[in-house]
Every structure is written in C-alpha cells, then in structure tokens.
C-alpha cells in the first residue's frame, strides 16, 4: 500500500514540475518574439517568365488597364460562351454602326453598348420600358427624333386588299400599323450617336462616365460627381457613388472591347493577361536549410510545440 502511494506521489510531482517548466517557457516566449522567420538566400530562386502577357488594350482604355485587368480576366474566363455569341452576332451589325459613328465622330469603342444593351435584338424590352437595339426609353427616343408607337397608314393595304379579294382574308389586312423607330437599326443608331455626342460634351469626354450615363442617366452621374466633391472627377473617383449595376455596366463596356480586340487569341486560348512567372526552388539546399532550422522552429514557434 505504501509503495503504491509513493508511485502516485512521484507521478503527481513530475506533472507539477512539467507544468511549471511549460509555464516558464510561455512567459519567456511572451517577452521575446513568438515567431522567427527562417531566412532562405535569394540564390535558391531562379525566376523565369514562362509566358509574357499579350493582351492588347484599345487606345481608349489603356489608361484604365490597372483598374480593370482583374475584372476583364475573370469575366473572360467565366463567360466565354456569352462573349463568343456576341462577337459572332456583332459581325452583322458593327459595320453599319461604324459608318454612323464616323459621321458624328463617336469613338468606335461605343459600338459594344448595343451588345450590352440588347444583345442585338430589335425587340428587346426592359422591365422599365426601354425598347430596341439601343434600349431607348420613350421620352429620350422622342427627344432625339424617333417615332414611338406612332399609328400610321399601312402603305401596302391597297395592294394586299386587292390580292386577297375575299372578305375572309381582307379583314386580316390592317389599314393602320404602329411604327417604333427604336426597332430600326439605322434610325436608332443615329439617335444613339447624337445622345453619346451630347454626353461627351457635358462630361468633358470622360468615356467611362459617358458609358455610365447611358446606363443610369446623366442626372445620376452629375449627382455622383457632386457627392465626390471633385469638380472634374473621373469615373474611378465617383464610382462609389454610382449604382452597383452601373459600375458593372462600365466594367463590361471595357471587357467587351478588350476581348473583341483580342478575339483571335482569346478563341484559341492563347490570350494571356499577365506575365506567367515560374520560380523553381533548389530542393537540396532547401532541405538542408530546413534540417538546420527545424530544432529552432520547434522551440521558438508556438505552432510546433507539442
């Protein structure tokens, strides 16, 4: 019985001493730095550029590369099917739009607004009533000379009535039809060019703010500029005061231009947005350093303590 008591007392004493030593160790560590980094000489690393960035930004957006590159890269990786569809459709529409924009000295980069607004669909109708290729609201469309749901006489009525003499078919022929120029490619594009020209003049040719105004209206852009407190503010200086939808709209405006400019390499999968850097490590030297510093790490870094 006495022997068992001595053994138990010895174990308790050992545990007590161990806890005291551990507490002292923690106290000493708190007085000094808890973490010490292991220095690895720079000679171990041999940085190599595996592939250089080859993305080309259109001239209009070159100053905005650093602020938009990450967004463009992520969007292009996640929405490839969408971008491919838009690019293929653009071939049928952009030549005509380019001719109109040249007449008004509008930068060709604004062509992609049609893709963003309607996806090249003449019948596209937004929840708030914007219609057509350029998604004009009725009031803005009328302001720029477009006919909106105007009732006009059907010029083909007499010919069609004669062709279908029976009453059964003649009753189907309408004497009057409703015309909406927002669905007319050339007329609506002329109106869009005039609108953009007015906004360029009002916003001091800040192309990103002009694009923002096309989405949320010139009134909201002016309000954002006032809130920023900067008289001639840029888009990046007022973006926090604009709706989130508008901020994304402007970034999509940049993205489509960049992808369309680099579409061949994008389609082939060779488009590179940043330099791809490879940094090999000399395994033998690295292992040696780890062995030399392992004991130090075990005692000086808390995460290694058992």
C-alpha atoms as a PDB file:
ATOM      1  CA  UNK A   1       0.000   0.000   0.000  1.00  0.00           C
ATOM      2  CA  UNK A   2       2.844   2.290   0.905  1.00  0.00           C
ATOM      3  CA  UNK A   3       4.605   1.508  -2.393  1.00  0.00           C
ATOM      4  CA  UNK A   4       1.540   2.467  -4.440  1.00  0.00           C
ATOM      5  CA  UNK A   5       1.248   5.750  -2.533  1.00  0.00           C
ATOM      6  CA  UNK A   6       4.918   6.584  -3.256  1.00  0.00           C
ATOM      7  CA  UNK A   7       4.403   5.892  -7.004  1.00  0.00           C
ATOM      8  CA  UNK A   8       1.303   8.114  -7.159  1.00  0.00           C
ATOM      9  CA  UNK A   9       3.092  10.905  -5.287  1.00  0.00           C
ATOM     10  CA  UNK A  10       6.044  10.663  -7.709  1.00  0.00           C
ATOM     11  CA  UNK A  11       3.759  10.947 -10.764  1.00  0.00           C
ATOM     12  CA  UNK A  12       1.960  13.982  -9.290  1.00  0.00           C
ATOM     13  CA  UNK A  13       5.297  15.649  -8.550  1.00  0.00           C
ATOM     14  CA  UNK A  14       6.573  15.053 -12.098  1.00  0.00           C
ATOM     15  CA  UNK A  15       3.382  16.521 -13.638  1.00  0.00           C
ATOM     16  CA  UNK A  16       3.595  19.573 -11.367  1.00  0.00           C
ATOM     17  CA  UNK A  17       7.235  20.217 -12.342  1.00  0.00           C
ATOM     18  CA  UNK A  18       6.417  19.769 -16.048  1.00  0.00           C
ATOM     19  CA  UNK A  19       3.562  22.291 -15.873  1.00  0.00           C
ATOM     20  CA  UNK A  20       5.827  24.793 -14.121  1.00  0.00           C
ATOM     21  CA  UNK A  21       8.531  24.454 -16.793  1.00  0.00           C
ATOM     22  CA  UNK A  22       5.917  24.861 -19.566  1.00  0.00           C
ATOM     23  CA  UNK A  23       4.525  27.995 -17.882  1.00  0.00           C
ATOM     24  CA  UNK A  24       8.017  29.487 -17.599  1.00  0.00           C
ATOM     25  CA  UNK A  25       8.682  28.723 -21.253  1.00  0.00           C
ATOM     26  CA  UNK A  26       5.472  30.513 -22.275  1.00  0.00           C
ATOM     27  CA  UNK A  27       6.427  33.510 -20.126  1.00  0.00           C
ATOM     28  CA  UNK A  28       9.860  33.722 -21.759  1.00  0.00           C
ATOM     29  CA  UNK A  29       8.318  33.451 -25.240  1.00  0.00           C
ATOM     30  CA  UNK A  30       5.880  36.267 -24.483  1.00  0.00           C
ATOM     31  CA  UNK A  31       8.811  38.502 -23.553  1.00  0.00           C
ATOM     32  CA  UNK A  32      10.586  37.782 -26.854  1.00  0.00           C
ATOM     33  CA  UNK A  33       9.333  37.416 -30.433  1.00  0.00           C
ATOM     34  CA  UNK A  34       6.938  34.484 -30.746  1.00  0.00           C
ATOM     35  CA  UNK A  35       7.653  33.941 -34.432  1.00  0.00           C
ATOM     36  CA  UNK A  36      11.007  33.998 -36.155  1.00  0.00           C
ATOM     37  CA  UNK A  37      11.195  33.614 -39.903  1.00  0.00           C
ATOM     38  CA  UNK A  38      13.748  31.293 -41.439  1.00  0.00           C
ATOM     39  CA  UNK A  39      15.926  33.163 -43.923  1.00  0.00           C
ATOM     40  CA  UNK A  40      16.360  31.484 -47.285  1.00  0.00           C
ATOM     41  CA  UNK A  41      19.009  33.025 -49.578  1.00  0.00           C
ATOM     42  CA  UNK A  42      17.810  34.609 -52.812  1.00  0.00           C
ATOM     43  CA  UNK A  43      20.226  32.434 -54.784  1.00  0.00           C
ATOM     44  CA  UNK A  44      17.878  29.485 -54.263  1.00  0.00           C
ATOM     45  CA  UNK A  45      15.247  31.085 -56.504  1.00  0.00           C
ATOM     46  CA  UNK A  46      15.702  31.498 -60.243  1.00  0.00           C
ATOM     47  CA  UNK A  47      12.673  33.444 -61.519  1.00  0.00           C
ATOM     48  CA  UNK A  48      11.709  32.697 -65.108  1.00  0.00           C
ATOM     49  CA  UNK A  49       8.957  34.280 -67.239  1.00  0.00           C
ATOM     50  CA  UNK A  50       7.270  31.264 -68.810  1.00  0.00           C
ATOM     51  CA  UNK A  51       4.789  33.293 -70.881  1.00  0.00           C
ATOM     52  CA  UNK A  52       4.585  37.044 -71.389  1.00  0.00           C
ATOM     53  CA  UNK A  53       1.300  38.943 -71.261  1.00  0.00           C
ATOM     54  CA  UNK A  54      -0.012  39.531 -74.778  1.00  0.00           C
ATOM     55  CA  UNK A  55      -3.356  41.249 -74.157  1.00  0.00           C
ATOM     56  CA  UNK A  56      -3.791  44.469 -76.148  1.00  0.00           C
ATOM     57  CA  UNK A  57      -5.990  47.205 -74.711  1.00  0.00           C
ATOM     58  CA  UNK A  58      -7.763  49.523 -77.179  1.00  0.00           C
ATOM     59  CA  UNK A  59      -6.296  53.044 -77.036  1.00  0.00           C
ATOM     60  CA  UNK A  60      -9.371  54.444 -75.311  1.00  0.00           C
ATOM     61  CA  UNK A  61      -8.889  52.123 -72.330  1.00  0.00           C
ATOM     62  CA  UNK A  62      -5.101  51.969 -71.993  1.00  0.00           C
ATOM     63  CA  UNK A  63      -5.093  54.402 -69.012  1.00  0.00           C
ATOM     64  CA  UNK A  64      -7.559  52.137 -67.201  1.00  0.00           C
ATOM     65  CA  UNK A  65      -5.637  48.859 -67.563  1.00  0.00           C
ATOM     66  CA  UNK A  66      -4.508  48.530 -63.943  1.00  0.00           C
ATOM     67  CA  UNK A  67      -8.012  49.251 -62.575  1.00  0.00           C
ATOM     68  CA  UNK A  68      -9.822  46.839 -64.858  1.00  0.00           C
ATOM     69  CA  UNK A  69      -7.460  43.969 -65.709  1.00  0.00           C
ATOM     70  CA  UNK A  70      -8.630  41.626 -62.928  1.00  0.00           C
ATOM     71  CA  UNK A  71     -12.310  42.144 -63.819  1.00  0.00           C
ATOM     72  CA  UNK A  72     -11.659  41.589 -67.533  1.00  0.00           C
ATOM     73  CA  UNK A  73      -9.685  38.428 -66.827  1.00  0.00           C
ATOM     74  CA  UNK A  74     -12.340  36.938 -64.513  1.00  0.00           C
ATOM     75  CA  UNK A  75     -15.229  37.853 -66.826  1.00  0.00           C
ATOM     76  CA  UNK A  76     -13.488  36.374 -69.869  1.00  0.00           C
ATOM     77  CA  UNK A  77     -12.797  33.122 -68.030  1.00  0.00           C
ATOM     78  CA  UNK A  78     -16.349  32.731 -66.676  1.00  0.00           C
ATOM     79  CA  UNK A  79     -18.446  33.978 -69.632  1.00  0.00           C
ATOM     80  CA  UNK A  80     -16.736  32.570 -72.703  1.00  0.00           C
ATOM     81  CA  UNK A  81     -19.921  31.248 -74.334  1.00  0.00           C
ATOM     82  CA  UNK A  82     -21.677  34.609 -73.880  1.00  0.00           C
ATOM     83  CA  UNK A  83     -18.740  36.536 -75.358  1.00  0.00           C
ATOM     84  CA  UNK A  84     -18.483  34.166 -78.310  1.00  0.00           C
ATOM     85  CA  UNK A  85     -22.187  34.567 -79.168  1.00  0.00           C
ATOM     86  CA  UNK A  86     -21.976  38.361 -79.003  1.00  0.00           C
ATOM     87  CA  UNK A  87     -18.842  38.509 -81.125  1.00  0.00           C
ATOM     88  CA  UNK A  88     -20.382  36.364 -83.866  1.00  0.00           C
ATOM     89  CA  UNK A  89     -23.552  38.463 -83.900  1.00  0.00           C
ATOM     90  CA  UNK A  90     -21.583  41.708 -83.992  1.00  0.00           C
ATOM     91  CA  UNK A  91     -20.266  40.908 -87.481  1.00  0.00           C
ATOM     92  CA  UNK A  92     -23.718  41.586 -88.954  1.00  0.00           C
ATOM     93  CA  UNK A  93     -24.270  44.887 -87.125  1.00  0.00           C
ATOM     94  CA  UNK A  94     -20.981  46.642 -86.374  1.00  0.00           C
ATOM     95  CA  UNK A  95     -20.146  47.646 -89.980  1.00  0.00           C
ATOM     96  CA  UNK A  96     -23.350  49.703 -90.223  1.00  0.00           C
ATOM     97  CA  UNK A  97     -22.919  51.138 -86.737  1.00  0.00           C
ATOM     98  CA  UNK A  98     -19.319  52.124 -87.543  1.00  0.00           C
ATOM     99  CA  UNK A  99     -20.425  54.177 -90.541  1.00  0.00           C
ATOM    100  CA  UNK A 100     -22.943  56.117 -88.456  1.00  0.00           C
ATOM    101  CA  UNK A 101     -20.478  56.740 -85.604  1.00  0.00           C
ATOM    102  CA  UNK A 102     -17.897  58.087 -88.063  1.00  0.00           C
ATOM    103  CA  UNK A 103     -20.378  60.748 -89.148  1.00  0.00           C
ATOM    104  CA  UNK A 104     -20.681  62.007 -85.558  1.00  0.00           C
ATOM    105  CA  UNK A 105     -17.008  61.476 -84.551  1.00  0.00           C
ATOM    106  CA  UNK A 106     -18.019  58.986 -81.855  1.00  0.00           C
ATOM    107  CA  UNK A 107     -15.257  56.560 -80.752  1.00  0.00           C
ATOM    108  CA  UNK A 108     -15.807  53.129 -82.281  1.00  0.00           C
ATOM    109  CA  UNK A 109     -15.435  51.543 -78.837  1.00  0.00           C
ATOM    110  CA  UNK A 110     -19.014  52.616 -78.048  1.00  0.00           C
ATOM    111  CA  UNK A 111     -20.372  50.089 -80.561  1.00  0.00           C
ATOM    112  CA  UNK A 112     -20.341  47.397 -77.866  1.00  0.00           C
ATOM    113  CA  UNK A 113     -23.044  49.270 -75.937  1.00  0.00           C
ATOM    114  CA  UNK A 114     -25.541  47.802 -78.404  1.00  0.00           C
ATOM    115  CA  UNK A 115     -24.361  44.308 -77.476  1.00  0.00           C
ATOM    116  CA  UNK A 116     -24.634  45.038 -73.751  1.00  0.00           C
ATOM    117  CA  UNK A 117     -27.998  46.784 -74.037  1.00  0.00           C
ATOM    118  CA  UNK A 118     -29.974  44.431 -76.270  1.00  0.00           C
ATOM    119  CA  UNK A 119     -27.731  41.601 -77.443  1.00  0.00           C
ATOM    120  CA  UNK A 120     -28.517  42.849 -80.993  1.00  0.00           C
ATOM    121  CA  UNK A 121     -32.218  42.065 -80.515  1.00  0.00           C
ATOM    122  CA  UNK A 122     -34.545  44.679 -82.046  1.00  0.00           C
ATOM    123  CA  UNK A 123     -37.473  43.516 -79.905  1.00  0.00           C
ATOM    124  CA  UNK A 124     -35.605  43.540 -76.594  1.00  0.00           C
ATOM    125  CA  UNK A 125     -37.801  45.150 -73.936  1.00  0.00           C
ATOM    126  CA  UNK A 126     -36.568  46.026 -70.456  1.00  0.00           C
ATOM    127  CA  UNK A 127     -38.769  45.871 -67.313  1.00  0.00           C
ATOM    128  CA  UNK A 128     -38.880  49.697 -67.243  1.00  0.00           C
ATOM    129  CA  UNK A 129     -39.986  50.034 -70.876  1.00  0.00           C
ATOM    130  CA  UNK A 130     -36.726  50.605 -72.763  1.00  0.00           C
ATOM    131  CA  UNK A 131     -37.011  49.086 -76.232  1.00  0.00           C
ATOM    132  CA  UNK A 132     -34.970  48.263 -79.298  1.00  0.00           C
ATOM    133  CA  UNK A 133     -31.334  47.871 -80.267  1.00  0.00           C
ATOM    134  CA  UNK A 134     -30.162  50.752 -78.078  1.00  0.00           C
ATOM    135  CA  UNK A 135     -32.804  50.385 -75.351  1.00  0.00           C
ATOM    136  CA  UNK A 136     -34.228  53.894 -75.552  1.00  0.00           C
ATOM    137  CA  UNK A 137     -36.922  54.999 -73.145  1.00  0.00           C
ATOM    138  CA  UNK A 138     -39.870  56.569 -74.977  1.00  0.00           C
ATOM    139  CA  UNK A 139     -39.180  60.111 -73.714  1.00  0.00           C
ATOM    140  CA  UNK A 140     -35.492  60.004 -74.705  1.00  0.00           C
ATOM    141  CA  UNK A 141     -36.341  58.431 -78.064  1.00  0.00           C
ATOM    142  CA  UNK A 142     -38.786  61.252 -78.880  1.00  0.00           C
ATOM    143  CA  UNK A 143     -36.223  63.831 -77.741  1.00  0.00           C
ATOM    144  CA  UNK A 144     -33.822  62.500 -80.375  1.00  0.00           C
ATOM    145  CA  UNK A 145     -36.373  62.382 -83.178  1.00  0.00           C
ATOM    146  CA  UNK A 146     -37.568  58.783 -83.097  1.00  0.00           C
ATOM    147  CA  UNK A 147     -41.168  57.775 -83.642  1.00  0.00           C
ATOM    148  CA  UNK A 148     -42.529  55.793 -80.716  1.00  0.00           C
ATOM    149  CA  UNK A 149     -45.620  53.605 -81.195  1.00  0.00           C
ATOM    150  CA  UNK A 150     -46.939  56.016 -83.817  1.00  0.00           C
ATOM    151  CA  UNK A 151     -50.070  54.924 -85.715  1.00  0.00           C
ATOM    152  CA  UNK A 152     -49.527  55.267 -89.472  1.00  0.00           C
ATOM    153  CA  UNK A 153     -51.389  54.115 -92.537  1.00  0.00           C
ATOM    154  CA  UNK A 154     -50.290  50.791 -93.961  1.00  0.00           C
ATOM    155  CA  UNK A 155     -48.838  51.650 -97.387  1.00  0.00           C
ATOM    156  CA  UNK A 156     -49.334  48.058 -98.531  1.00  0.00           C
ATOM    157  CA  UNK A 157     -53.004  47.977 -97.595  1.00  0.00           C
ATOM    158  CA  UNK A 158     -54.484  48.573-101.058  1.00  0.00           C
ATOM    159  CA  UNK A 159     -52.173  46.103-102.759  1.00  0.00           C
ATOM    160  CA  UNK A 160     -52.836  43.436-100.158  1.00  0.00           C
ATOM    161  CA  UNK A 161     -56.600  44.058-100.243  1.00  0.00           C
ATOM    162  CA  UNK A 162     -56.685  43.580-103.996  1.00  0.00           C
ATOM    163  CA  UNK A 163     -54.603  40.440-103.758  1.00  0.00           C
ATOM    164  CA  UNK A 164     -56.929  38.881-101.197  1.00  0.00           C
ATOM    165  CA  UNK A 165     -60.341  39.862-102.513  1.00  0.00           C
ATOM    166  CA  UNK A 166     -62.351  37.591-100.285  1.00  0.00           C
ATOM    167  CA  UNK A 167     -63.577  39.192 -97.057  1.00  0.00           C
ATOM    168  CA  UNK A 168     -62.170  36.338 -95.020  1.00  0.00           C
ATOM    169  CA  UNK A 169     -58.590  37.357 -95.828  1.00  0.00           C
ATOM    170  CA  UNK A 170     -59.160  41.064 -96.459  1.00  0.00           C
ATOM    171  CA  UNK A 171     -60.336  41.573 -92.869  1.00  0.00           C
ATOM    172  CA  UNK A 172     -56.961  40.385 -91.691  1.00  0.00           C
ATOM    173  CA  UNK A 173     -55.179  43.193 -93.519  1.00  0.00           C
ATOM    174  CA  UNK A 174     -54.671  46.198 -91.272  1.00  0.00           C
ATOM    175  CA  UNK A 175     -55.245  49.718 -92.588  1.00  0.00           C
ATOM    176  CA  UNK A 176     -53.010  51.142 -89.890  1.00  0.00           C
ATOM    177  CA  UNK A 177     -49.848  49.876 -88.256  1.00  0.00           C
ATOM    178  CA  UNK A 178     -47.778  51.079 -85.305  1.00  0.00           C
ATOM    179  CA  UNK A 179     -44.258  52.255 -86.020  1.00  0.00           C
ATOM    180  CA  UNK A 180     -41.479  52.349 -83.418  1.00  0.00           C
ATOM    181  CA  UNK A 181     -38.138  53.627 -84.699  1.00  0.00           C
ATOM    182  CA  UNK A 182     -36.363  52.153 -81.696  1.00  0.00           C
ATOM    183  CA  UNK A 183     -36.549  48.844 -83.591  1.00  0.00           C
ATOM    184  CA  UNK A 184     -34.999  50.368 -86.710  1.00  0.00           C
ATOM    185  CA  UNK A 185     -31.251  49.749 -86.765  1.00  0.00           C
ATOM    186  CA  UNK A 186     -30.098  52.844 -88.646  1.00  0.00           C
ATOM    187  CA  UNK A 187     -32.572  55.331 -87.166  1.00  0.00           C
ATOM    188  CA  UNK A 188     -31.946  54.199 -83.597  1.00  0.00           C
ATOM    189  CA  UNK A 189     -28.167  54.181 -84.158  1.00  0.00           C
ATOM    190  CA  UNK A 190     -28.286  57.787 -85.390  1.00  0.00           C
ATOM    191  CA  UNK A 191     -30.214  58.691 -82.233  1.00  0.00           C
ATOM    192  CA  UNK A 192     -27.686  56.824 -80.054  1.00  0.00           C
ATOM    193  CA  UNK A 193     -24.798  58.658 -81.735  1.00  0.00           C
ATOM    194  CA  UNK A 194     -26.459  62.022 -81.061  1.00  0.00           C
ATOM    195  CA  UNK A 195     -27.067  61.057 -77.446  1.00  0.00           C
ATOM    196  CA  UNK A 196     -23.441  59.994 -76.942  1.00  0.00           C
ATOM    197  CA  UNK A 197     -22.157  63.168 -78.579  1.00  0.00           C
ATOM    198  CA  UNK A 198     -24.186  65.296 -76.178  1.00  0.00           C
ATOM    199  CA  UNK A 199     -22.932  63.319 -73.175  1.00  0.00           C
ATOM    200  CA  UNK A 200     -19.309  63.571 -74.338  1.00  0.00           C
ATOM    201  CA  UNK A 201     -19.633  67.342 -74.419  1.00  0.00           C
ATOM    202  CA  UNK A 202     -21.291  67.515 -70.986  1.00  0.00           C
ATOM    203  CA  UNK A 203     -18.883  65.098 -69.281  1.00  0.00           C
ATOM    204  CA  UNK A 204     -15.642  66.504 -70.663  1.00  0.00           C
ATOM    205  CA  UNK A 205     -15.016  63.465 -72.887  1.00  0.00           C
ATOM    206  CA  UNK A 206     -14.610  61.098 -69.939  1.00  0.00           C
ATOM    207  CA  UNK A 207     -15.551  57.978 -71.866  1.00  0.00           C
ATOM    208  CA  UNK A 208     -16.295  55.839 -68.823  1.00  0.00           C
ATOM    209  CA  UNK A 209     -18.629  58.449 -67.357  1.00  0.00           C
ATOM    210  CA  UNK A 210     -20.350  58.705 -70.748  1.00  0.00           C
ATOM    211  CA  UNK A 211     -20.937  54.943 -70.696  1.00  0.00           C
ATOM    212  CA  UNK A 212     -22.191  55.207 -67.107  1.00  0.00           C
ATOM    213  CA  UNK A 213     -24.667  57.921 -68.134  1.00  0.00           C
ATOM    214  CA  UNK A 214     -26.058  55.627 -70.822  1.00  0.00           C
ATOM    215  CA  UNK A 215     -26.966  53.143 -68.118  1.00  0.00           C
ATOM    216  CA  UNK A 216     -28.200  55.262 -65.202  1.00  0.00           C
ATOM    217  CA  UNK A 217     -28.849  58.645 -66.842  1.00  0.00           C
ATOM    218  CA  UNK A 218     -26.906  61.881 -66.887  1.00  0.00           C
ATOM    219  CA  UNK A 219     -28.706  63.106 -63.759  1.00  0.00           C
ATOM    220  CA  UNK A 220     -27.339  60.282 -61.592  1.00  0.00           C
ATOM    221  CA  UNK A 221     -23.819  60.814 -62.932  1.00  0.00           C
ATOM    222  CA  UNK A 222     -23.963  64.525 -62.087  1.00  0.00           C
ATOM    223  CA  UNK A 223     -25.217  63.663 -58.609  1.00  0.00           C
ATOM    224  CA  UNK A 224     -22.304  61.249 -58.112  1.00  0.00           C
ATOM    225  CA  UNK A 225     -19.819  63.945 -59.184  1.00  0.00           C
ATOM    226  CA  UNK A 226     -21.325  66.378 -56.668  1.00  0.00           C
ATOM    227  CA  UNK A 227     -21.076  63.797 -53.888  1.00  0.00           C
ATOM    228  CA  UNK A 228     -17.408  63.181 -54.691  1.00  0.00           C
ATOM    229  CA  UNK A 229     -16.637  66.863 -54.137  1.00  0.00           C
ATOM    230  CA  UNK A 230     -14.301  66.868 -57.170  1.00  0.00           C
ATOM    231  CA  UNK A 231     -15.162  69.326 -59.917  1.00  0.00           C
ATOM    232  CA  UNK A 232     -13.715  67.350 -62.848  1.00  0.00           C
ATOM    233  CA  UNK A 233     -13.935  63.888 -61.311  1.00  0.00           C
ATOM    234  CA  UNK A 234     -13.118  60.729 -63.250  1.00  0.00           C
ATOM    235  CA  UNK A 235     -15.181  57.554 -63.207  1.00  0.00           C
ATOM    236  CA  UNK A 236     -12.835  55.912 -60.686  1.00  0.00           C
ATOM    237  CA  UNK A 237     -13.263  58.863 -58.323  1.00  0.00           C
ATOM    238  CA  UNK A 238     -17.078  58.749 -58.395  1.00  0.00           C
ATOM    239  CA  UNK A 239     -17.759  55.040 -58.888  1.00  0.00           C
ATOM    240  CA  UNK A 240     -18.584  54.502 -55.199  1.00  0.00           C
ATOM    241  CA  UNK A 241     -21.481  56.958 -55.570  1.00  0.00           C
ATOM    242  CA  UNK A 242     -22.935  55.197 -58.632  1.00  0.00           C
ATOM    243  CA  UNK A 243     -25.353  52.228 -58.529  1.00  0.00           C
ATOM    244  CA  UNK A 244     -23.699  48.801 -58.495  1.00  0.00           C
ATOM    245  CA  UNK A 245     -25.407  47.932 -61.781  1.00  0.00           C
ATOM    246  CA  UNK A 246     -23.802  50.963 -63.408  1.00  0.00           C
ATOM    247  CA  UNK A 247     -20.341  50.113 -62.075  1.00  0.00           C
ATOM    248  CA  UNK A 248     -20.633  46.612 -63.547  1.00  0.00           C
ATOM    249  CA  UNK A 249     -22.003  48.081 -66.774  1.00  0.00           C
ATOM    250  CA  UNK A 250     -18.908  50.229 -67.246  1.00  0.00           C
ATOM    251  CA  UNK A 251     -16.611  47.298 -66.473  1.00  0.00           C
ATOM    252  CA  UNK A 252     -18.490  45.174 -69.026  1.00  0.00           C
ATOM    253  CA  UNK A 253     -18.068  48.030 -71.510  1.00  0.00           C
ATOM    254  CA  UNK A 254     -14.289  47.778 -71.054  1.00  0.00           C
ATOM    255  CA  UNK A 255     -14.309  43.963 -71.069  1.00  0.00           C
ATOM    256  CA  UNK A 256     -16.154  43.539 -74.360  1.00  0.00           C
ATOM    257  CA  UNK A 257     -13.842  45.999 -76.085  1.00  0.00           C
ATOM    258  CA  UNK A 258     -10.737  44.215 -74.801  1.00  0.00           C
ATOM    259  CA  UNK A 259     -11.987  40.738 -75.739  1.00  0.00           C
ATOM    260  CA  UNK A 260     -13.210  41.813 -79.179  1.00  0.00           C
ATOM    261  CA  UNK A 261      -9.838  43.485 -79.797  1.00  0.00           C
ATOM    262  CA  UNK A 262      -8.026  40.233 -78.889  1.00  0.00           C
ATOM    263  CA  UNK A 263     -10.658  37.789 -80.057  1.00  0.00           C
ATOM    264  CA  UNK A 264      -8.461  35.533 -82.228  1.00  0.00           C
ATOM    265  CA  UNK A 265      -6.033  34.752 -79.395  1.00  0.00           C
ATOM    266  CA  UNK A 266      -8.959  34.548 -76.939  1.00  0.00           C
ATOM    267  CA  UNK A 267     -10.725  31.931 -79.067  1.00  0.00           C
ATOM    268  CA  UNK A 268      -7.515  29.921 -79.488  1.00  0.00           C
ATOM    269  CA  UNK A 269      -6.867  30.002 -75.743  1.00  0.00           C
ATOM    270  CA  UNK A 270      -3.550  31.827 -76.093  1.00  0.00           C
ATOM    271  CA  UNK A 271      -4.633  35.154 -74.608  1.00  0.00           C
ATOM    272  CA  UNK A 272      -2.503  35.952 -71.548  1.00  0.00           C
ATOM    273  CA  UNK A 273      -3.416  38.836 -69.219  1.00  0.00           C
ATOM    274  CA  UNK A 274      -0.310  38.759 -67.001  1.00  0.00           C
ATOM    275  CA  UNK A 275       3.262  37.511 -67.203  1.00  0.00           C
ATOM    276  CA  UNK A 276       3.286  33.891 -66.055  1.00  0.00           C
ATOM    277  CA  UNK A 277       6.279  33.514 -63.736  1.00  0.00           C
ATOM    278  CA  UNK A 278       7.846  30.228 -62.634  1.00  0.00           C
ATOM    279  CA  UNK A 279      10.124  30.225 -59.567  1.00  0.00           C
ATOM    280  CA  UNK A 280      11.820  26.824 -59.089  1.00  0.00           C
ATOM    281  CA  UNK A 281      13.435  26.032 -55.719  1.00  0.00           C
ATOM    282  CA  UNK A 282      16.731  24.202 -55.310  1.00  0.00           C
ATOM    283  CA  UNK A 283      15.380  21.175 -53.405  1.00  0.00           C
ATOM    284  CA  UNK A 284      18.754  20.044 -51.987  1.00  0.00           C
ATOM    285  CA  UNK A 285      19.599  23.448 -50.465  1.00  0.00           C
ATOM    286  CA  UNK A 286      16.065  23.921 -49.217  1.00  0.00           C
ATOM    287  CA  UNK A 287      16.079  20.558 -47.428  1.00  0.00           C
ATOM    288  CA  UNK A 288      19.413  21.360 -45.822  1.00  0.00           C
ATOM    289  CA  UNK A 289      18.110  24.682 -44.515  1.00  0.00           C
ATOM    290  CA  UNK A 290      15.013  23.016 -43.142  1.00  0.00           C
ATOM    291  CA  UNK A 291      17.116  20.434 -41.240  1.00  0.00           C
ATOM    292  CA  UNK A 292      19.357  23.131 -39.762  1.00  0.00           C
ATOM    293  CA  UNK A 293      16.451  25.255 -38.630  1.00  0.00           C
ATOM    294  CA  UNK A 294      14.000  22.533 -37.599  1.00  0.00           C
ATOM    295  CA  UNK A 295      15.123  22.379 -33.982  1.00  0.00           C
ATOM    296  CA  UNK A 296      14.945  26.188 -33.753  1.00  0.00           C
ATOM    297  CA  UNK A 297      11.478  26.223 -35.202  1.00  0.00           C
ATOM    298  CA  UNK A 298      10.303  23.558 -32.781  1.00  0.00           C
ATOM    299  CA  UNK A 299      11.281  25.644 -29.756  1.00  0.00           C
ATOM    300  CA  UNK A 300      10.657  29.215 -30.987  1.00  0.00           C
ATOM    301  CA  UNK A 301       7.445  28.916 -32.995  1.00  0.00           C
ATOM    302  CA  UNK A 302       4.370  28.139 -30.811  1.00  0.00           C
ATOM    303  CA  UNK A 303       2.587  26.151 -33.524  1.00  0.00           C
ATOM    304  CA  UNK A 304       5.291  23.447 -33.392  1.00  0.00           C
ATOM    305  CA  UNK A 305       5.067  22.886 -29.631  1.00  0.00           C
ATOM    306  CA  UNK A 306       3.536  19.538 -28.548  1.00  0.00           C
END
